[in-house]
Amino acid sequence: MFKYSTLLFHTLLLTCACSSTPPSQTPPATSASTPAMATSTPAVTTVPPDSSPVPPATVNGKDACSLLTSEDIQAVQGEPLKTTKRDDRATGRFLISICYYELPTAVNSVSLSITQNNGGKAGAVREYWEETFGKDEHKSEKEREREKKEARPPAGEEEEEGAQMEKVSGVGEEAFWSGSRVGGALFVLKKDRYLRISVGGKADAETKLKRSKILAAKVLRNF
């Protein structure tokens, strides 16, 4: 399982938010298995200070805002697309393509980012993925469960900020879910790219994970 420091480093390095996207609050987090019925907007972060704007980065000719259709989103979130807000950034070895899919009900909006190699060394994304997410692979299930229990706060106390990572099957080559009390984000690797998707709205963590997997599978059609 991953502690908050690893996830925070990963998110700040590889995920940007459109400058016009309304910021969301980061509430105390919990594991993905904990029900959460609070209404929330999809998680976003500020642009890393060492990044710079670049010409539109594409995935097989499509920018991040072309990877999901209004019909795709309405089927999952129950509302058609209102507008999109795109940002493309270069951070070191990586190109990050970001899209905020805004819905009529703002809290139901969807945030998507695609990370791919920025020239240079081939396989940089897969290498970084392994460094970030692969460290947990050699732990036994018993060790993971022990760490999960140790990370829980005492009864009656709020959990400190941060969320642990949970491996997810059935989408991409490898995937991890970072669940929080009012939201979460799904990270999915395929080929030499990976995506991060976060859905807003009023639903528990399990439902948001299912919705994220459906949308991620549609994005992966273009990888």
Protein backbone atom coordinates (compact mmCIF):
# COMPACT_ATOMS: atom_id res chain seq x y z
CA MET A 1 0.00 0.00 0.00
CA PHE A 2 1.17 3.49 -0.63
CA LYS A 3 1.34 6.27 1.90
CA TYR A 4 0.34 9.83 1.18
CA SER A 5 3.88 11.05 0.54
CA THR A 6 4.30 8.77 -2.50
CA LEU A 7 0.91 9.67 -3.92
CA LEU A 8 1.43 13.39 -3.31
CA PHE A 9 4.81 13.33 -5.09
CA HIS A 10 3.31 11.41 -7.97
CA THR A 11 0.29 13.72 -8.29
CA LEU A 12 2.25 16.97 -8.12
CA LEU A 13 4.77 15.71 -10.68
CA LEU A 14 2.47 14.19 -13.23
CA THR A 15 -1.02 15.77 -12.87
CA CYS A 16 -2.00 19.35 -13.76
CA ALA A 17 -5.27 21.21 -13.53
CA CYS A 18 -6.54 23.70 -16.04
CA SER A 19 -6.00 27.20 -14.70
CA SER A 20 -9.67 28.04 -15.19
CA THR A 21 -10.88 24.93 -13.35
CA PRO A 22 -12.41 25.75 -9.96
CA PRO A 23 -10.18 24.31 -7.19
CA SER A 24 -11.51 21.56 -5.01
CA GLN A 25 -10.98 21.11 -1.32
CA THR A 26 -8.95 18.12 -0.18
CA PRO A 27 -10.82 16.50 2.70
CA PRO A 28 -9.52 13.85 5.09
CA ALA A 29 -9.16 10.61 3.14
CA THR A 30 -9.79 6.95 3.77
CA SER A 31 -9.39 3.66 1.96
CA ALA A 32 -11.37 2.92 -1.19
CA SER A 33 -13.50 0.38 0.67
CA THR A 34 -15.02 2.99 2.99
CA PRO A 35 -18.44 4.23 1.79
CA ALA A 36 -18.60 7.94 0.99
CA MET A 37 -21.85 9.66 0.10
CA ALA A 38 -20.66 13.27 0.19
CA THR A 39 -20.93 15.33 -2.94
CA SER A 40 -17.54 16.16 -4.42
CA THR A 41 -15.87 17.60 -7.45
CA PRO A 42 -13.16 15.58 -9.23
CA ALA A 43 -9.76 16.01 -7.63
CA VAL A 44 -7.46 18.56 -9.25
CA THR A 45 -4.01 19.92 -8.47
CA THR A 46 -1.99 23.00 -9.28
CA VAL A 47 0.44 23.06 -12.18
CA PRO A 48 3.94 21.87 -11.15
CA PRO A 49 6.34 24.85 -10.97
CA ASP A 50 8.87 23.19 -13.27
CA SER A 51 6.38 22.53 -16.07
CA SER A 52 5.83 24.64 -19.16
CA PRO A 53 3.03 25.00 -21.71
CA VAL A 54 3.51 23.05 -24.93
CA PRO A 55 1.63 22.71 -28.22
CA PRO A 56 -1.35 20.36 -27.92
CA ALA A 57 -0.13 16.89 -26.98
CA THR A 58 -2.11 14.14 -28.67
CA VAL A 59 -2.79 10.45 -28.27
CA ASN A 60 -2.82 8.93 -31.76
CA GLY A 61 -3.94 12.27 -33.17
CA LYS A 62 -6.51 13.06 -30.47
CA ASP A 63 -6.09 15.57 -27.65
CA ALA A 64 -7.26 14.75 -24.11
CA CYS A 65 -10.62 16.46 -24.62
CA SER A 66 -11.38 14.23 -27.62
CA LEU A 67 -10.90 10.96 -25.78
CA LEU A 68 -14.36 10.91 -24.20
CA THR A 69 -17.60 11.88 -25.91
CA SER A 70 -20.63 13.55 -24.39
CA GLU A 71 -22.46 10.23 -24.77
CA ASP A 72 -19.67 8.39 -22.92
CA ILE A 73 -19.93 10.74 -19.97
CA GLN A 74 -23.72 10.96 -19.90
CA ALA A 75 -23.97 7.16 -19.76
CA VAL A 76 -21.92 7.19 -16.54
CA GLN A 77 -22.65 10.55 -14.89
CA GLY A 78 -26.23 11.04 -16.06
CA GLU A 79 -25.61 14.41 -17.74
CA PRO A 80 -24.37 15.49 -21.16
CA LEU A 81 -21.16 17.42 -21.58
CA LYS A 82 -21.39 21.19 -21.13
CA THR A 83 -17.86 22.23 -22.13
CA THR A 84 -14.23 21.15 -21.92
CA LYS A 85 -11.14 22.92 -20.61
CA ARG A 86 -7.77 21.67 -21.83
CA ASP A 87 -4.18 22.19 -20.77
CA ASP A 88 -0.98 20.60 -22.10
CA ARG A 89 2.26 20.66 -20.14
CA ALA A 90 5.83 19.40 -20.34
CA THR A 91 7.49 18.31 -17.11
CA GLY A 92 10.97 16.86 -17.46
CA ARG A 93 10.71 13.54 -19.30
CA PHE A 94 6.94 13.67 -19.66
CA LEU A 95 4.15 15.29 -21.64
CA ILE A 96 0.91 15.72 -19.69
CA SER A 97 -2.39 16.24 -21.50
CA ILE A 98 -5.21 17.39 -19.24
CA CYS A 99 -8.92 17.83 -19.81
CA TYR A 100 -11.64 18.98 -17.45
CA TYR A 101 -14.98 17.73 -18.76
CA GLU A 102 -17.43 20.18 -17.24
CA LEU A 103 -21.05 19.08 -16.78
CA PRO A 104 -24.16 21.20 -16.14
CA THR A 105 -23.95 20.18 -12.48
CA ALA A 106 -20.38 21.20 -11.73
CA VAL A 107 -19.76 18.65 -9.00
CA ASN A 108 -20.48 15.82 -11.47
CA SER A 109 -17.64 16.88 -13.77
CA VAL A 110 -14.80 14.58 -14.82
CA SER A 111 -11.05 15.24 -14.75
CA LEU A 112 -8.70 13.34 -17.06
CA SER A 113 -4.95 13.49 -17.61
CA ILE A 114 -2.73 11.47 -19.92
CA THR A 115 1.00 11.11 -19.28
CA GLN A 116 3.38 10.03 -22.04
CA ASN A 117 7.05 10.24 -22.94
CA ASN A 118 8.45 13.64 -23.88
CA GLY A 119 11.03 12.40 -26.37
CA GLY A 120 14.34 11.33 -24.87
CA LYS A 121 14.54 7.89 -23.32
CA ALA A 122 12.00 5.40 -24.62
CA GLY A 123 10.01 3.72 -21.89
CA ALA A 124 10.39 6.56 -19.38
CA VAL A 125 6.71 6.40 -18.43
CA ARG A 126 6.76 2.65 -17.80
CA GLU A 127 9.94 3.04 -15.80
CA TYR A 128 8.41 5.74 -13.66
CA TRP A 129 5.23 3.71 -13.22
CA GLU A 130 7.26 0.78 -11.95
CA GLU A 131 9.20 3.02 -9.56
CA THR A 132 5.99 4.54 -8.23
CA PHE A 133 3.48 1.69 -8.23
CA GLY A 134 5.60 -1.46 -8.48
CA LYS A 135 7.13 -1.29 -5.02
CA ASP A 136 4.12 -2.99 -3.48
CA GLU A 137 4.02 -5.95 -5.84
CA HIS A 138 6.32 -8.20 -3.84
CA LYS A 139 4.39 -7.82 -0.59
CA SER A 140 2.14 -10.65 0.47
CA GLU A 141 -1.58 -10.13 0.93
CA LYS A 142 -1.06 -10.58 4.67
CA GLU A 143 1.48 -7.74 4.72
CA ARG A 144 -0.86 -5.47 2.76
CA GLU A 145 -3.75 -6.17 5.12
CA ARG A 146 -1.54 -5.50 8.15
CA GLU A 147 -0.40 -2.16 6.75
CA LYS A 148 -3.97 -1.26 5.91
CA LYS A 149 -5.06 -1.91 9.51
CA GLU A 150 -2.10 -0.02 10.94
CA ALA A 151 -2.99 2.98 8.79
CA ARG A 152 -6.50 3.27 10.21
CA PRO A 153 -7.02 6.10 12.72
CA PRO A 154 -8.15 5.43 16.31
CA ALA A 155 -11.90 5.20 16.77
CA GLY A 156 -13.51 8.61 16.79
CA GLU A 157 -10.59 10.35 15.12
CA GLU A 158 -10.41 11.61 11.55
CA GLU A 159 -7.85 10.01 9.30
CA GLU A 160 -4.96 12.24 8.39
CA GLU A 161 -4.79 13.57 4.85
CA GLY A 162 -3.76 11.07 2.22
CA ALA A 163 -5.08 7.87 0.75
CA GLN A 164 -3.62 4.46 0.17
CA MET A 165 -3.40 2.83 -3.23
CA GLU A 166 -5.41 -0.27 -4.06
CA LYS A 167 -4.63 -2.47 -7.04
CA VAL A 168 -7.51 -2.78 -9.52
CA SER A 169 -8.10 -5.49 -12.11
CA GLY A 170 -10.05 -5.52 -15.34
CA VAL A 171 -8.74 -2.35 -16.97
CA GLY A 172 -5.50 -1.64 -18.83
CA GLU A 173 -2.27 -3.53 -18.22
CA GLU A 174 -2.19 -2.46 -14.60
CA ALA A 175 -4.29 -0.07 -12.52
CA PHE A 176 -4.46 1.45 -9.05
CA TRP A 177 -7.24 3.27 -7.23
CA SER A 178 -6.61 6.06 -4.75
CA GLY A 179 -9.82 6.40 -2.76
CA SER A 180 -10.73 9.20 -0.38
CA ARG A 181 -13.71 10.04 1.81
CA VAL A 182 -15.42 12.10 -0.89
CA GLY A 183 -13.68 11.14 -4.10
CA GLY A 184 -10.80 9.26 -5.62
CA ALA A 185 -8.70 8.81 -8.72
CA LEU A 186 -7.96 5.83 -10.93
CA PHE A 187 -4.50 5.40 -12.50
CA VAL A 188 -4.25 3.04 -15.49
CA LEU A 189 -1.18 1.97 -17.49
CA LYS A 190 -1.27 0.84 -21.12
CA LYS A 191 1.65 0.66 -23.52
CA ASP A 192 3.84 3.74 -23.12
CA ARG A 193 1.16 5.95 -21.54
CA TYR A 194 -0.95 6.07 -18.45
CA LEU A 195 -4.08 7.94 -17.50
CA ARG A 196 -5.49 9.42 -14.33
CA ILE A 197 -9.26 9.87 -14.14
CA SER A 198 -11.41 11.31 -11.38
CA VAL A 199 -15.20 11.58 -11.38
CA GLY A 200 -17.19 13.91 -9.17
CA GLY A 201 -20.70 13.68 -7.80
CA LYS A 202 -22.64 12.07 -4.98
CA ALA A 203 -21.68 8.41 -4.80
CA ASP A 204 -19.69 6.09 -2.57
CA ALA A 205 -16.11 5.11 -3.37
CA GLU A 206 -17.09 1.75 -4.85
CA THR A 207 -19.49 3.39 -7.30
CA LYS A 208 -16.95 6.02 -8.27
CA LEU A 209 -14.37 3.32 -8.92
CA LYS A 210 -16.81 1.47 -11.20
CA ARG A 211 -17.61 4.66 -13.09
CA SER A 212 -13.93 5.52 -13.40
CA LYS A 213 -13.19 2.06 -14.82
CA ILE A 214 -15.93 2.43 -17.45
CA LEU A 215 -14.62 5.81 -18.59
CA ALA A 216 -10.99 4.65 -18.45
CA ALA A 217 -11.82 1.72 -20.74
CA LYS A 218 -13.30 4.14 -23.27
CA VAL A 219 -10.18 6.35 -23.13
CA LEU A 220 -7.96 3.31 -23.61
CA ARG A 221 -9.61 2.59 -26.95
CA ASN A 222 -7.40 5.36 -28.31
CA PHE A 223 -4.11 4.16 -26.79
